[in-house]
Amino acid sequence: MEVIAFILTIAVGIVAENNIDSNGIGGIVAVAVMGAFILWSIRHEKENK
């Protein structure tokens, strides 16, 4: 799961940086995506046990 989250975060950051006309938006979007992954894993922790 961590590897998939890492790859998707990098990919989303690159896509956002190339498609949105704002400097540094790729990093912001990448952090937001990683935060979403972290929140999802915390909230779904009980299902994995």
N, C-alpha and C. Protein backbone atom coordinates (compact mmCIF):
# COMPACT_ATOMS: atom_id res chain seq x y z
N MET A 1 0.82 -1.19 0.00
CA MET A 1 0.00 0.00 0.00
C MET A 1 0.87 1.26 0.00
N GLU A 2 1.96 1.23 0.75
CA GLU A 2 2.82 2.41 0.84
C GLU A 2 3.48 2.72 -0.50
N VAL A 3 3.87 1.69 -1.23
CA VAL A 3 4.52 1.90 -2.52
C VAL A 3 3.53 2.51 -3.51
N ILE A 4 2.30 2.02 -3.50
CA ILE A 4 1.27 2.56 -4.39
C ILE A 4 0.99 4.03 -4.03
N ALA A 5 0.90 4.33 -2.75
CA ALA A 5 0.67 5.71 -2.31
C ALA A 5 1.81 6.61 -2.75
N PHE A 6 3.04 6.13 -2.64
CA PHE A 6 4.20 6.91 -3.05
C PHE A 6 4.17 7.21 -4.54
N ILE A 7 3.94 6.18 -5.34
CA ILE A 7 3.92 6.35 -6.80
C ILE A 7 2.79 7.28 -7.23
N LEU A 8 1.60 7.10 -6.67
CA LEU A 8 0.48 7.96 -7.03
C LEU A 8 0.71 9.40 -6.60
N THR A 9 1.33 9.60 -5.46
CA THR A 9 1.61 10.96 -4.99
C THR A 9 2.57 11.66 -5.92
N ILE A 10 3.62 10.98 -6.33
CA ILE A 10 4.58 11.56 -7.27
C ILE A 10 3.90 11.87 -8.60
N ALA A 11 3.11 10.91 -9.11
CA ALA A 11 2.44 11.10 -10.39
C ALA A 11 1.46 12.27 -10.35
N VAL A 12 0.66 12.36 -9.30
CA VAL A 12 -0.31 13.44 -9.19
C VAL A 12 0.40 14.79 -9.07
N GLY A 13 1.48 14.85 -8.34
CA GLY A 13 2.24 16.09 -8.22
C GLY A 13 2.81 16.55 -9.55
N ILE A 14 3.34 15.62 -10.33
CA ILE A 14 3.89 15.96 -11.64
C ILE A 14 2.79 16.43 -12.58
N VAL A 15 1.67 15.71 -12.61
CA VAL A 15 0.56 16.08 -13.49
C VAL A 15 0.01 17.46 -13.10
N ALA A 16 -0.15 17.70 -11.82
CA ALA A 16 -0.67 18.99 -11.37
C ALA A 16 0.29 20.13 -11.73
N GLU A 17 1.57 19.88 -11.57
CA GLU A 17 2.58 20.91 -11.88
C GLU A 17 2.57 21.25 -13.37
N ASN A 18 2.34 20.25 -14.21
CA ASN A 18 2.36 20.48 -15.65
C ASN A 18 1.06 21.04 -16.19
N ASN A 19 -0.06 20.81 -15.53
CA ASN A 19 -1.35 21.19 -16.08
C ASN A 19 -1.97 22.45 -15.47
N ILE A 20 -1.54 22.85 -14.30
CA ILE A 20 -2.12 24.01 -13.63
C ILE A 20 -1.09 25.14 -13.66
N ASP A 21 -1.51 26.33 -14.09
CA ASP A 21 -0.61 27.47 -14.22
C ASP A 21 -0.38 28.17 -12.89
N SER A 22 0.33 27.52 -12.01
CA SER A 22 0.68 28.13 -10.74
C SER A 22 1.96 27.48 -10.25
N ASN A 23 2.91 28.28 -9.84
CA ASN A 23 4.19 27.73 -9.36
C ASN A 23 4.01 27.03 -8.02
N GLY A 24 4.54 25.83 -7.91
CA GLY A 24 4.52 25.10 -6.66
C GLY A 24 3.24 24.33 -6.39
N ILE A 25 2.29 24.37 -7.30
CA ILE A 25 1.01 23.69 -7.05
C ILE A 25 1.19 22.18 -7.00
N GLY A 26 2.18 21.66 -7.70
CA GLY A 26 2.42 20.21 -7.69
C GLY A 26 2.74 19.69 -6.30
N GLY A 27 3.55 20.43 -5.57
CA GLY A 27 3.88 20.04 -4.20
C GLY A 27 2.68 20.11 -3.28
N ILE A 28 1.88 21.13 -3.46
CA ILE A 28 0.68 21.27 -2.63
C ILE A 28 -0.29 20.13 -2.88
N VAL A 29 -0.51 19.82 -4.15
CA VAL A 29 -1.42 18.72 -4.50
C VAL A 29 -0.86 17.38 -4.02
N ALA A 30 0.45 17.19 -4.15
CA ALA A 30 1.06 15.94 -3.70
C ALA A 30 0.90 15.75 -2.19
N VAL A 31 1.08 16.81 -1.43
CA VAL A 31 0.90 16.73 0.03
C VAL A 31 -0.56 16.44 0.37
N ALA A 32 -1.49 17.05 -0.37
CA ALA A 32 -2.90 16.79 -0.12
C ALA A 32 -3.27 15.34 -0.42
N VAL A 33 -2.72 14.79 -1.49
CA VAL A 33 -2.99 13.39 -1.83
C VAL A 33 -2.41 12.47 -0.76
N MET A 34 -1.20 12.74 -0.31
CA MET A 34 -0.60 11.90 0.73
C MET A 34 -1.40 12.00 2.02
N GLY A 35 -1.90 13.19 2.35
CA GLY A 35 -2.76 13.35 3.53
C GLY A 35 -4.03 12.53 3.41
N ALA A 36 -4.59 12.49 2.20
CA ALA A 36 -5.79 11.67 1.98
C ALA A 36 -5.48 10.19 2.19
N PHE A 37 -4.33 9.73 1.71
CA PHE A 37 -3.94 8.34 1.92
C PHE A 37 -3.76 8.03 3.41
N ILE A 38 -3.15 8.95 4.14
CA ILE A 38 -2.93 8.74 5.57
C ILE A 38 -4.26 8.70 6.31
N LEU A 39 -5.15 9.64 6.02
CA LEU A 39 -6.46 9.64 6.68
C LEU A 39 -7.25 8.38 6.34
N TRP A 40 -7.18 7.94 5.10
CA TRP A 40 -7.90 6.73 4.69
C TRP A 40 -7.36 5.52 5.45
N SER A 41 -6.04 5.42 5.58
CA SER A 41 -5.47 4.27 6.28
C SER A 41 -5.79 4.29 7.76
N ILE A 42 -5.88 5.46 8.37
CA ILE A 42 -6.25 5.56 9.78
C ILE A 42 -7.71 5.15 9.99
N ARG A 43 -8.57 5.63 9.11
CA ARG A 43 -10.01 5.34 9.27
C ARG A 43 -10.37 3.90 8.93
N HIS A 44 -9.59 3.25 8.09
CA HIS A 44 -9.89 1.87 7.68
C HIS A 44 -8.95 0.87 8.35
N GLU A 45 -8.32 1.28 9.41
CA GLU A 45 -7.37 0.43 10.12
C GLU A 45 -8.04 -0.81 10.71
N LYS A 46 -9.25 -0.65 11.21
CA LYS A 46 -9.96 -1.75 11.88
C LYS A 46 -10.35 -2.86 10.91
N GLU A 47 -10.58 -2.53 9.65
CA GLU A 47 -10.96 -3.54 8.66
C GLU A 47 -9.80 -4.46 8.31
N ASN A 48 -8.57 -3.97 8.45
CA ASN A 48 -7.40 -4.77 8.09
C ASN A 48 -7.02 -5.78 9.16
N LYS A 49 -7.52 -5.63 10.37
CA LYS A 49 -7.11 -6.52 11.47
C LYS A 49 -7.93 -7.77 11.52
